[in-house]
Protein backbone atom coordinates (compact mmCIF):
# COMPACT_ATOMS: atom_id res chain seq x y z
CA UNK A 1 0.23 0.14 0.32
CA UNK A 2 1.31 3.52 -0.95
CA UNK A 3 2.71 5.85 1.96
CA UNK A 4 3.25 9.14 2.58
CA UNK A 5 5.30 10.96 5.17
CA UNK A 6 3.80 12.02 9.01
CA UNK A 7 3.17 15.75 9.06
CA UNK A 8 3.91 17.30 12.28
CA UNK A 9 3.41 20.40 13.10
CA UNK A 10 4.75 22.50 16.06
CA UNK A 11 3.50 25.38 17.65
CA UNK A 12 4.86 27.93 20.33
CA UNK A 13 3.92 31.56 20.77
CA UNK A 14 5.99 33.56 18.45
CA UNK A 15 7.68 30.47 16.20
CA UNK A 16 11.14 32.40 16.90
CA UNK A 17 12.15 30.06 19.96
CA UNK A 18 10.74 26.43 20.68
CA UNK A 19 8.82 25.48 17.84
CA UNK A 20 11.72 25.93 15.03
CA UNK A 21 13.86 24.04 17.18
CA UNK A 22 11.23 21.03 17.96
CA UNK A 23 11.20 20.98 14.14
CA UNK A 24 14.72 20.70 12.81
CA UNK A 25 14.82 18.44 15.94
CA UNK A 26 12.08 15.98 14.17
CA UNK A 27 13.76 16.35 11.17
CA UNK A 28 17.08 15.27 12.35
CA UNK A 29 16.06 12.61 14.67
CA UNK A 30 13.66 11.16 11.85
CA UNK A 31 16.34 10.90 9.21
CA UNK A 32 18.82 8.78 11.75
CA UNK A 33 16.04 6.75 12.62
CA UNK A 34 14.12 6.44 9.27
CA UNK A 35 10.87 7.42 9.79
CA UNK A 36 9.54 9.49 7.05
CA UNK A 37 7.79 12.84 7.72
CA UNK A 38 7.54 16.39 7.29
CA UNK A 39 8.14 19.29 10.16
CA UNK A 40 6.75 22.49 10.07
CA UNK A 41 6.44 25.36 13.31
CA UNK A 42 4.09 27.94 13.47
CA UNK A 43 3.38 30.86 16.34
CA UNK A 44 -0.25 31.68 18.33
CA UNK A 45 1.26 35.46 17.87
CA UNK A 46 0.66 36.30 14.46
CA UNK A 47 4.34 36.76 14.02
CA UNK A 48 5.62 36.84 10.47
CA UNK A 49 8.90 37.04 8.89
CA UNK A 50 10.53 37.22 12.21
CA UNK A 51 14.30 35.51 12.96
CA UNK A 52 15.07 32.77 15.10
CA UNK A 53 16.41 34.13 18.68
CA UNK A 54 19.62 34.56 18.52
CA UNK A 55 20.13 32.63 21.43
CA UNK A 56 18.23 29.62 20.23
CA UNK A 57 20.09 29.82 16.87
CA UNK A 58 23.41 29.15 18.97
CA UNK A 59 22.20 26.53 21.25
CA UNK A 60 20.88 24.54 18.14
CA UNK A 61 23.70 24.75 16.38
CA UNK A 62 25.37 23.16 19.16
CA UNK A 63 23.57 20.16 17.95
CA UNK A 64 24.00 20.84 13.97
CA UNK A 65 20.70 22.28 13.52
CA UNK A 66 20.66 25.49 10.94
CA UNK A 67 18.24 27.97 12.42
CA UNK A 68 19.85 30.72 10.44
CA UNK A 69 17.12 31.05 7.67
CA UNK A 70 14.20 29.99 10.02
CA UNK A 71 11.17 33.19 9.54
CA UNK A 72 8.34 32.76 11.77
CA UNK A 73 4.86 32.29 10.36
CA UNK A 74 1.10 32.58 12.12
CA UNK A 75 -0.58 29.26 12.50
CA UNK A 76 -3.31 29.10 9.66
CA UNK A 77 -6.21 26.76 9.01
CA UNK A 78 -4.11 25.29 6.04
CA UNK A 79 -1.43 24.05 8.20
CA UNK A 80 -3.76 22.98 10.76
CA UNK A 81 -5.64 21.04 7.54
CA UNK A 82 -1.79 19.54 6.52
CA UNK A 83 -0.83 18.27 9.92
CA UNK A 84 -1.51 15.23 11.17
CA UNK A 85 0.43 15.91 14.80
CA UNK A 86 0.12 19.28 16.05
CA UNK A 87 2.57 19.34 19.37
CA UNK A 88 2.40 22.14 21.60
CA UNK A 89 4.44 23.78 24.37
CA UNK A 90 1.54 25.04 26.25
CA UNK A 91 -1.86 24.59 27.46
CA UNK A 92 -2.26 28.19 26.17
CA UNK A 93 -1.16 26.97 22.74
CA UNK A 94 -3.90 24.20 22.69
CA UNK A 95 -6.58 26.40 24.25
CA UNK A 96 -6.03 28.40 21.10
CA UNK A 97 -5.92 26.00 18.53
CA UNK A 98 -9.22 24.52 20.04
CA UNK A 99 -11.00 28.17 19.82
CA UNK A 100 -9.87 29.32 16.45
CA UNK A 101 -9.09 26.15 14.37
CA UNK A 102 -11.82 23.58 15.02
CA UNK A 103 -9.62 21.52 12.42
CA UNK A 104 -7.32 20.94 15.11
CA UNK A 105 -9.82 18.42 17.33
CA UNK A 106 -7.77 15.15 18.00
CA UNK A 107 -4.35 16.16 16.25
CA UNK A 108 -3.33 18.46 19.57
CA UNK A 109 -1.10 17.07 21.79
CA UNK A 110 1.23 18.55 24.48
CA UNK A 111 4.78 17.96 23.46
CA UNK A 112 6.15 18.18 26.88
CA UNK A 113 4.47 15.32 28.05
CA UNK A 114 7.03 13.01 26.40
CA UNK A 115 9.59 14.74 28.57
CA UNK A 116 7.40 14.11 31.84
CA UNK A 117 5.99 17.08 31.74
CA UNK A 118 2.75 19.69 30.63
CA UNK A 119 4.36 22.19 29.45
CA UNK A 120 7.67 23.30 27.88
CA UNK A 121 8.79 27.07 29.53
CA UNK A 122 9.67 29.85 26.90
CA UNK A 123 13.29 30.45 27.85
CA UNK A 124 12.54 34.46 25.57
CA UNK A 125 13.88 37.00 28.01
CA UNK A 126 15.84 34.97 29.87
CA UNK A 127 19.54 36.44 29.95
CA UNK A 128 21.22 33.33 30.15
CA UNK A 129 22.10 30.97 27.44
CA UNK A 130 21.60 27.91 29.91
CA UNK A 131 18.20 28.41 30.19
CA UNK A 132 18.26 28.41 26.23
CA UNK A 133 20.37 24.94 26.66
CA UNK A 134 17.21 23.64 29.01
CA UNK A 135 14.75 24.29 26.76
CA UNK A 136 16.67 22.77 23.91
CA UNK A 137 17.64 19.59 25.62
CA UNK A 138 13.65 18.92 26.85
CA UNK A 139 12.54 19.87 23.11
CA UNK A 140 15.27 17.27 22.02
CA UNK A 141 13.85 14.99 24.53
CA UNK A 142 10.48 15.12 23.91
CA UNK A 143 10.66 15.20 20.06
CA UNK A 144 12.70 12.18 19.89
CA UNK A 145 10.07 9.80 22.22
CA UNK A 146 7.33 11.28 19.76
CA UNK A 147 9.07 10.40 16.84
CA UNK A 148 10.32 7.25 17.89
CA UNK A 149 6.69 5.96 18.64
CA UNK A 150 5.73 6.56 15.43
CA UNK A 151 5.32 4.37 12.37
CA UNK A 152 8.56 3.67 10.19
CA UNK A 153 5.56 4.16 7.53
CA UNK A 154 2.20 5.98 7.37
CA UNK A 155 -0.66 4.55 4.97
CA UNK A 156 -2.39 6.93 2.70
CA UNK A 157 -6.34 6.67 3.67
C-alpha cells in the first residue's frame, strides 16, 4: 500500500524559539531513525517573517541545527489541515487551537508530556544561555520520544 510521510506541526507563541527548534530536531531525529516525516512550525501570536531568537540559533547550532534562515509564521487553517499531529508547548497554545482552528480537534498534544511534564517553558526573556540549552534539551528528549513512537511508514487512506 502507498505511504506518505507523517506531517508534524510544532506550535509555540512566536515561532522564534521553541517550535522552530522542535521542527529541526524532528527532521534530524527522523533522518537518523528512518521515520518518514515532514515537519513545520508556527506560532499563535501571529508573528510573520521574524528570525529565530539569536540565543536559540546558537544553542541549536551546538547540535548541528541550522536555524539561521528560519522566519516565523502564524498558525493558519491550511497548516492545521496539513498536519497529522500538532504538538504544542503550552496549555494556552492548545486552547488557542481549540478556539480558533476547529480542524485541530483530535490532532493536538502537549509535547512536554513526552518528557514527563505538561509544558515546555519559553526561555525568551532570559539573559542566560543555559536557559536556552535547558529548553533545547527538553525539546530534544520530547521530540525524540514522540518520533520514536511513530510507525516508520504511514499508509495513505
